[in-house]
Amino acid sequence: MIPNIGTRKSKLALAYTNKACRAIGLASQKILIDSHADLNPTTSIEEMGGKGVFCKEIEAALINREIDIAVHAFKDLTRDNDEWLHIPCVLERNDFRDCLIGNNSNPRTIGTSSPRRIAQLKDLYPHSEIIPIRGNIDTRIQKQENGEYDAIVLAKAGVDELGYDHKISRVFGTAEMLPAPGQGVIALQTVKPKTIREENLQSILSSKNHLDTWYCVMAEKYMLEAINGDCHTPIGCLSYIEGNRIGMIAKNFETDKLGIIRKGLPADYKELGYELGSQLI
């Protein structure tokens, strides 16, 4: 079996896809797909409709059976196609924290378009102006180094993956900046199987699934469902496995409510996500 793996064309997406291919141990054919966000690099995410701008085209290719597997950053996923698609495999979570590149002491301007980051940066840097920024990691770093921004905020997992960790001037602890739900996790998405071939592929992917990470991000996914949120809702969340229990903490920056799950059973991830979400409304 040589599956077609769909991915975006960005340098980071390709790096994640290569990592996923090594993890599942299958020879594969990469299919490069332009996302709506990639085709409109100067348009704000909000103007493009917000959710799904990084994954809709790839998910459509899955539904149409043009590809067999899609590789995503888990935090970009929506629930729009859950009727047809699912996540049988995630890789072990990378660093889930955010980081700052540039002037850390007194930045005049900080580049980010994330409502979650903006809400937390206002407390960390009350005298800085937060300015929207678009583009892939290389483009954003170049804009900062060219002087368009004093500093920018990025997910540390992506910075590390591309070997730019030496440019980091500050790594935010989770007490300073809660990450996005699903941040730092690579997801492998497929159709819900209808054929023997699709069932076999799902079995292969499920055997490579990092179960602790899967429980955590699925709990985070259902937390978002409980509040009808998406990847652009200003929510910070982190889940973790400690012993044989799952813990979760989240903050809704729209309602200013904090939610905590201290010791739940990982297999109850859906109920735990809903319970956490109910604390944030």
Protein backbone atom coordinates (compact mmCIF):
# COMPACT_ATOMS: atom_id res chain seq x y z
CA MET A 1 0.00 0.00 0.00
CA ILE A 2 1.42 3.37 -1.06
CA PRO A 3 -0.97 6.04 0.20
CA ASN A 4 -1.25 9.56 -1.17
CA ILE A 5 -0.54 12.03 1.61
CA GLY A 6 -1.93 15.52 1.24
CA THR A 7 -0.24 18.52 2.79
CA ARG A 8 0.19 22.25 2.37
CA LYS A 9 3.21 23.56 0.45
CA SER A 10 4.81 25.56 3.25
CA LYS A 11 8.25 24.62 4.52
CA LEU A 12 6.83 23.78 7.94
CA ALA A 13 3.96 21.69 6.56
CA LEU A 14 6.43 19.66 4.49
CA ALA A 15 8.69 19.17 7.52
CA TYR A 16 5.72 17.92 9.55
CA THR A 17 4.67 15.63 6.71
CA ASN A 18 8.14 14.12 6.44
CA LYS A 19 8.10 13.54 10.18
CA ALA A 20 4.70 11.87 9.93
CA CYS A 21 5.85 9.62 7.08
CA ARG A 22 8.84 8.45 9.13
CA ALA A 23 6.58 7.77 12.11
CA ILE A 24 4.07 5.62 10.21
CA GLY A 25 6.77 3.81 8.25
CA LEU A 26 4.95 3.70 4.92
CA ALA A 27 6.26 4.62 1.50
CA SER A 28 3.96 7.36 0.27
CA GLN A 29 3.32 9.89 -2.45
CA LYS A 30 3.04 13.52 -1.35
CA ILE A 31 0.27 15.61 -2.89
CA LEU A 32 0.82 19.34 -2.36
CA ILE A 33 -2.33 21.40 -1.90
CA ASP A 34 -2.82 25.16 -1.65
CA SER A 35 -5.00 26.19 1.27
CA HIS A 36 -7.26 29.24 1.11
CA ALA A 37 -4.94 30.98 3.56
CA ASP A 38 -1.86 30.19 1.47
CA LEU A 39 -3.49 31.64 -1.65
CA ASN A 40 -4.37 34.87 0.17
CA PRO A 41 -1.23 35.72 2.18
CA THR A 42 -2.10 39.38 2.77
CA THR A 43 -5.77 38.89 3.73
CA SER A 44 -6.61 38.61 7.42
CA ILE A 45 -7.91 35.30 8.71
CA GLU A 46 -11.10 37.03 9.86
CA GLU A 47 -11.77 38.41 6.37
CA MET A 48 -11.43 34.89 4.96
CA GLY A 49 -14.05 33.60 7.35
CA GLY A 50 -11.86 32.50 10.25
CA LYS A 51 -12.00 28.77 10.81
CA GLY A 52 -10.77 26.18 8.35
CA VAL A 53 -8.71 28.47 6.14
CA PHE A 54 -5.65 26.23 6.52
CA CYS A 55 -7.38 22.87 6.06
CA LYS A 56 -10.62 23.08 4.03
CA GLU A 57 -9.01 22.29 0.67
CA ILE A 58 -7.06 19.36 2.08
CA GLU A 59 -10.15 17.96 3.78
CA ALA A 60 -12.09 18.29 0.53
CA ALA A 61 -9.40 16.23 -1.21
CA LEU A 62 -9.82 13.55 1.46
CA ILE A 63 -13.59 13.46 1.12
CA ASN A 64 -13.23 13.17 -2.67
CA ARG A 65 -10.72 10.31 -2.23
CA GLU A 66 -8.03 12.29 -4.09
CA ILE A 67 -5.70 11.63 -1.14
CA ASP A 68 -5.64 8.90 1.51
CA ILE A 69 -4.11 10.77 4.45
CA ALA A 70 -4.00 14.46 5.34
CA VAL A 71 -1.33 15.92 7.60
CA HIS A 72 -2.33 18.92 9.69
CA ALA A 73 -1.29 20.91 12.69
CA PHE A 74 -4.04 19.72 15.04
CA LYS A 75 -4.81 23.28 16.18
CA ASP A 76 -5.86 24.24 12.62
CA LEU A 77 -8.62 21.63 12.44
CA THR A 78 -12.33 22.39 12.65
CA ARG A 79 -15.30 20.15 13.34
CA ASP A 80 -16.95 20.96 10.00
CA ASN A 81 -16.29 17.57 8.41
CA ASP A 82 -16.45 15.27 11.44
CA GLU A 83 -19.31 13.38 9.81
CA TRP A 84 -16.94 12.05 7.12
CA LEU A 85 -13.42 12.44 8.54
CA HIS A 86 -11.58 11.52 11.71
CA ILE A 87 -8.13 11.40 13.33
CA PRO A 88 -6.88 7.82 13.83
CA CYS A 89 -3.32 8.93 14.60
CA VAL A 90 -1.40 11.79 16.17
CA LEU A 91 2.32 12.01 16.82
CA GLU A 92 3.72 12.58 20.28
CA ARG A 93 3.19 16.19 21.28
CA ASN A 94 6.05 18.55 20.53
CA ASP A 95 6.74 21.63 22.66
CA PHE A 96 3.32 23.22 23.24
CA ARG A 97 4.59 26.64 24.36
CA ASP A 98 4.64 29.98 22.56
CA CYS A 99 7.84 31.96 22.09
CA LEU A 100 8.93 35.48 21.23
CA ILE A 101 11.50 36.42 18.59
CA GLY A 102 12.97 39.91 18.75
CA ASN A 103 13.10 42.59 21.43
CA ASN A 104 11.95 41.01 24.68
CA SER A 105 12.61 43.91 27.09
CA ASN A 106 10.56 46.81 25.71
CA PRO A 107 9.11 46.01 22.28
CA ARG A 108 7.24 48.93 20.72
CA THR A 109 5.35 46.59 18.41
CA ILE A 110 4.58 42.86 18.59
CA GLY A 111 3.29 40.93 15.60
CA THR A 112 0.54 38.35 16.01
CA SER A 113 -2.95 37.80 14.61
CA SER A 114 -4.04 35.31 17.28
CA PRO A 115 -6.86 36.60 19.54
CA ARG A 116 -5.61 34.21 22.25
CA ARG A 117 -2.08 35.58 22.12
CA ILE A 118 -3.29 39.18 21.91
CA ALA A 119 -5.33 38.78 25.11
CA GLN A 120 -2.32 37.46 27.03
CA LEU A 121 0.27 39.80 25.52
CA LYS A 122 -1.72 42.81 26.74
CA ASP A 123 -0.91 41.73 30.30
CA LEU A 124 2.70 40.76 29.58
CA TYR A 125 3.56 43.85 27.51
CA PRO A 126 1.01 46.55 28.47
CA HIS A 127 2.95 49.32 26.71
CA SER A 128 3.43 47.49 23.40
CA GLU A 129 1.26 47.85 20.32
CA ILE A 130 -0.01 44.52 19.02
CA ILE A 131 -0.08 44.52 15.21
CA PRO A 132 -1.57 41.83 12.91
CA ILE A 133 0.86 39.71 10.91
CA ARG A 134 0.35 37.05 8.22
CA GLY A 135 2.65 34.65 6.41
CA ASN A 136 4.63 31.49 7.09
CA ILE A 137 7.34 31.31 9.74
CA ASP A 138 10.14 32.39 7.39
CA THR A 139 8.14 35.38 6.20
CA ARG A 140 7.25 36.47 9.73
CA ILE A 141 10.82 36.18 10.95
CA GLN A 142 12.04 38.15 7.93
CA LYS A 143 9.51 40.90 8.68
CA GLN A 144 10.78 41.12 12.25
CA GLU A 145 14.43 41.16 11.19
CA ASN A 146 13.66 43.85 8.57
CA GLY A 147 12.33 46.08 11.34
CA GLU A 148 8.61 45.91 10.51
CA TYR A 149 8.01 44.55 14.03
CA ASP A 150 10.11 44.83 17.18
CA ALA A 151 9.05 41.29 18.08
CA ILE A 152 6.76 38.50 16.92
CA VAL A 153 5.14 35.57 18.71
CA LEU A 154 5.17 32.06 17.23
CA ALA A 155 4.48 28.49 18.32
CA LYS A 156 7.79 27.10 19.58
CA ALA A 157 7.15 23.69 17.97
CA GLY A 158 7.29 25.19 14.49
CA VAL A 159 10.34 27.32 15.27
CA ASP A 160 12.14 24.26 16.62
CA GLU A 161 11.13 22.08 13.65
CA LEU A 162 12.69 24.52 11.18
CA GLY A 163 15.87 24.98 13.23
CA TYR A 164 15.26 28.61 14.20
CA ASP A 165 15.37 28.04 17.96
CA HIS A 166 18.55 30.15 18.21
CA LYS A 167 16.45 33.20 17.27
CA ILE A 168 14.15 32.84 20.28
CA SER A 169 14.48 35.58 22.90
CA ARG A 170 11.78 34.38 25.29
CA VAL A 171 9.85 31.16 25.84
CA PHE A 172 6.56 31.78 27.59
CA GLY A 173 5.67 29.52 30.48
CA THR A 174 2.11 28.26 30.55
CA ALA A 175 1.37 30.46 33.57
CA GLU A 176 2.22 33.43 31.33
CA MET A 177 0.62 32.25 28.11
CA LEU A 178 -1.65 29.24 27.79
CA PRO A 179 -1.22 27.58 24.38
CA ALA A 180 -3.92 26.99 21.80
CA PRO A 181 -5.92 23.75 22.02
CA GLY A 182 -4.00 21.12 20.09
CA GLN A 183 -0.84 23.21 19.82
CA GLY A 184 2.35 21.25 19.16
CA VAL A 185 0.54 18.19 17.77
CA ILE A 186 0.73 16.74 14.25
CA ALA A 187 -2.52 15.04 13.21
CA LEU A 188 -3.04 12.41 10.52
CA GLN A 189 -6.58 12.58 9.19
CA THR A 190 -8.46 10.07 7.03
CA VAL A 191 -11.99 9.36 5.84
CA LYS A 192 -14.12 7.15 8.03
CA PRO A 193 -13.44 3.84 6.23
CA LYS A 194 -15.88 2.28 3.80
CA THR A 195 -13.56 -0.12 1.95
CA ILE A 196 -11.13 -2.86 2.97
CA ARG A 197 -8.22 -0.70 1.82
CA GLU A 198 -9.40 2.20 3.95
CA GLU A 199 -9.90 -0.08 6.95
CA ASN A 200 -6.38 -1.48 6.51
CA LEU A 201 -4.92 2.01 6.32
CA GLN A 202 -6.78 3.05 9.45
CA SER A 203 -5.44 -0.02 11.28
CA ILE A 204 -1.87 0.89 10.32
CA LEU A 205 -2.30 4.49 11.46
CA SER A 206 -4.04 3.51 14.69
CA SER A 207 -1.12 1.22 15.55
CA LYS A 208 1.20 4.24 15.34
CA ASN A 209 -1.05 6.56 17.35
CA HIS A 210 0.53 8.20 20.41
CA LEU A 211 -2.36 7.44 22.70
CA ASP A 212 -1.58 9.82 25.58
CA THR A 213 -1.32 12.74 23.16
CA TRP A 214 -4.49 11.62 21.36
CA TYR A 215 -6.50 11.55 24.59
CA CYS A 216 -5.27 15.04 25.48
CA VAL A 217 -6.00 16.72 22.16
CA MET A 218 -9.35 15.00 21.75
CA ALA A 219 -10.36 16.26 25.19
CA GLU A 220 -9.29 19.75 24.06
CA LYS A 221 -11.30 19.33 20.85
CA TYR A 222 -14.47 18.51 22.81
CA MET A 223 -13.84 21.44 25.14
CA LEU A 224 -13.98 23.68 22.05
CA GLU A 225 -17.14 21.93 20.89
CA ALA A 226 -18.79 22.60 24.25
CA ILE A 227 -18.31 26.35 23.83
CA ASN A 228 -18.88 26.27 20.05
CA GLY A 229 -15.35 27.56 19.56
CA ASP A 230 -12.79 27.09 16.81
CA CYS A 231 -9.09 27.66 16.18
CA HIS A 232 -9.55 31.44 16.29
CA THR A 233 -11.56 31.61 19.52
CA PRO A 234 -9.49 33.29 22.27
CA ILE A 235 -9.09 30.14 24.36
CA GLY A 236 -5.91 28.91 26.01
CA CYS A 237 -5.83 25.25 27.00
CA LEU A 238 -3.40 22.57 28.08
CA SER A 239 -4.02 18.91 28.89
CA TYR A 240 -1.54 16.44 30.34
CA ILE A 241 -1.32 12.83 31.48
CA GLU A 242 0.00 12.30 34.99
CA GLY A 243 0.17 8.70 36.09
CA ASN A 244 -3.02 7.19 34.70
CA ARG A 245 -5.08 10.39 34.96
CA ILE A 246 -5.66 13.34 32.66
CA GLY A 247 -5.56 16.93 33.87
CA MET A 248 -6.75 20.00 31.96
CA ILE A 249 -6.63 23.75 32.42
CA ALA A 250 -8.19 26.33 30.13
CA LYS A 251 -9.11 29.99 30.07
CA ASN A 252 -11.71 31.70 27.92
CA PHE A 253 -10.48 35.23 27.33
CA GLU A 254 -13.90 36.32 26.06
CA THR A 255 -15.66 35.43 29.32
CA ASP A 256 -12.54 35.70 31.54
CA LYS A 257 -13.39 32.31 33.03
CA LEU A 258 -10.87 29.67 34.09
CA GLY A 259 -11.64 25.96 34.00
CA ILE A 260 -9.73 23.08 35.62
CA ILE A 261 -10.05 19.30 35.46
CA ARG A 262 -7.72 17.74 37.99
CA LYS A 263 -7.86 13.95 37.69
CA GLY A 264 -9.98 12.33 35.00
CA LEU A 265 -9.74 9.00 33.26
CA PRO A 266 -8.18 9.43 29.79
CA ALA A 267 -10.83 7.16 28.25
CA ASP A 268 -13.44 9.72 29.38
CA TYR A 269 -11.85 12.43 27.21
CA LYS A 270 -15.13 13.45 25.58
CA GLU A 271 -16.98 13.93 28.86
CA LEU A 272 -13.96 15.70 30.38
CA GLY A 273 -13.77 18.10 27.44
CA TYR A 274 -17.47 18.92 27.77
CA GLU A 275 -17.12 19.41 31.51
CA LEU A 276 -14.19 21.77 31.05
CA GLY A 277 -16.03 23.68 28.37
CA SER A 278 -19.05 24.13 30.65
CA GLN A 279 -16.79 25.92 33.14
CA LEU A 280 -15.74 28.47 30.52
CA ILE A 281 -19.11 29.72 29.27
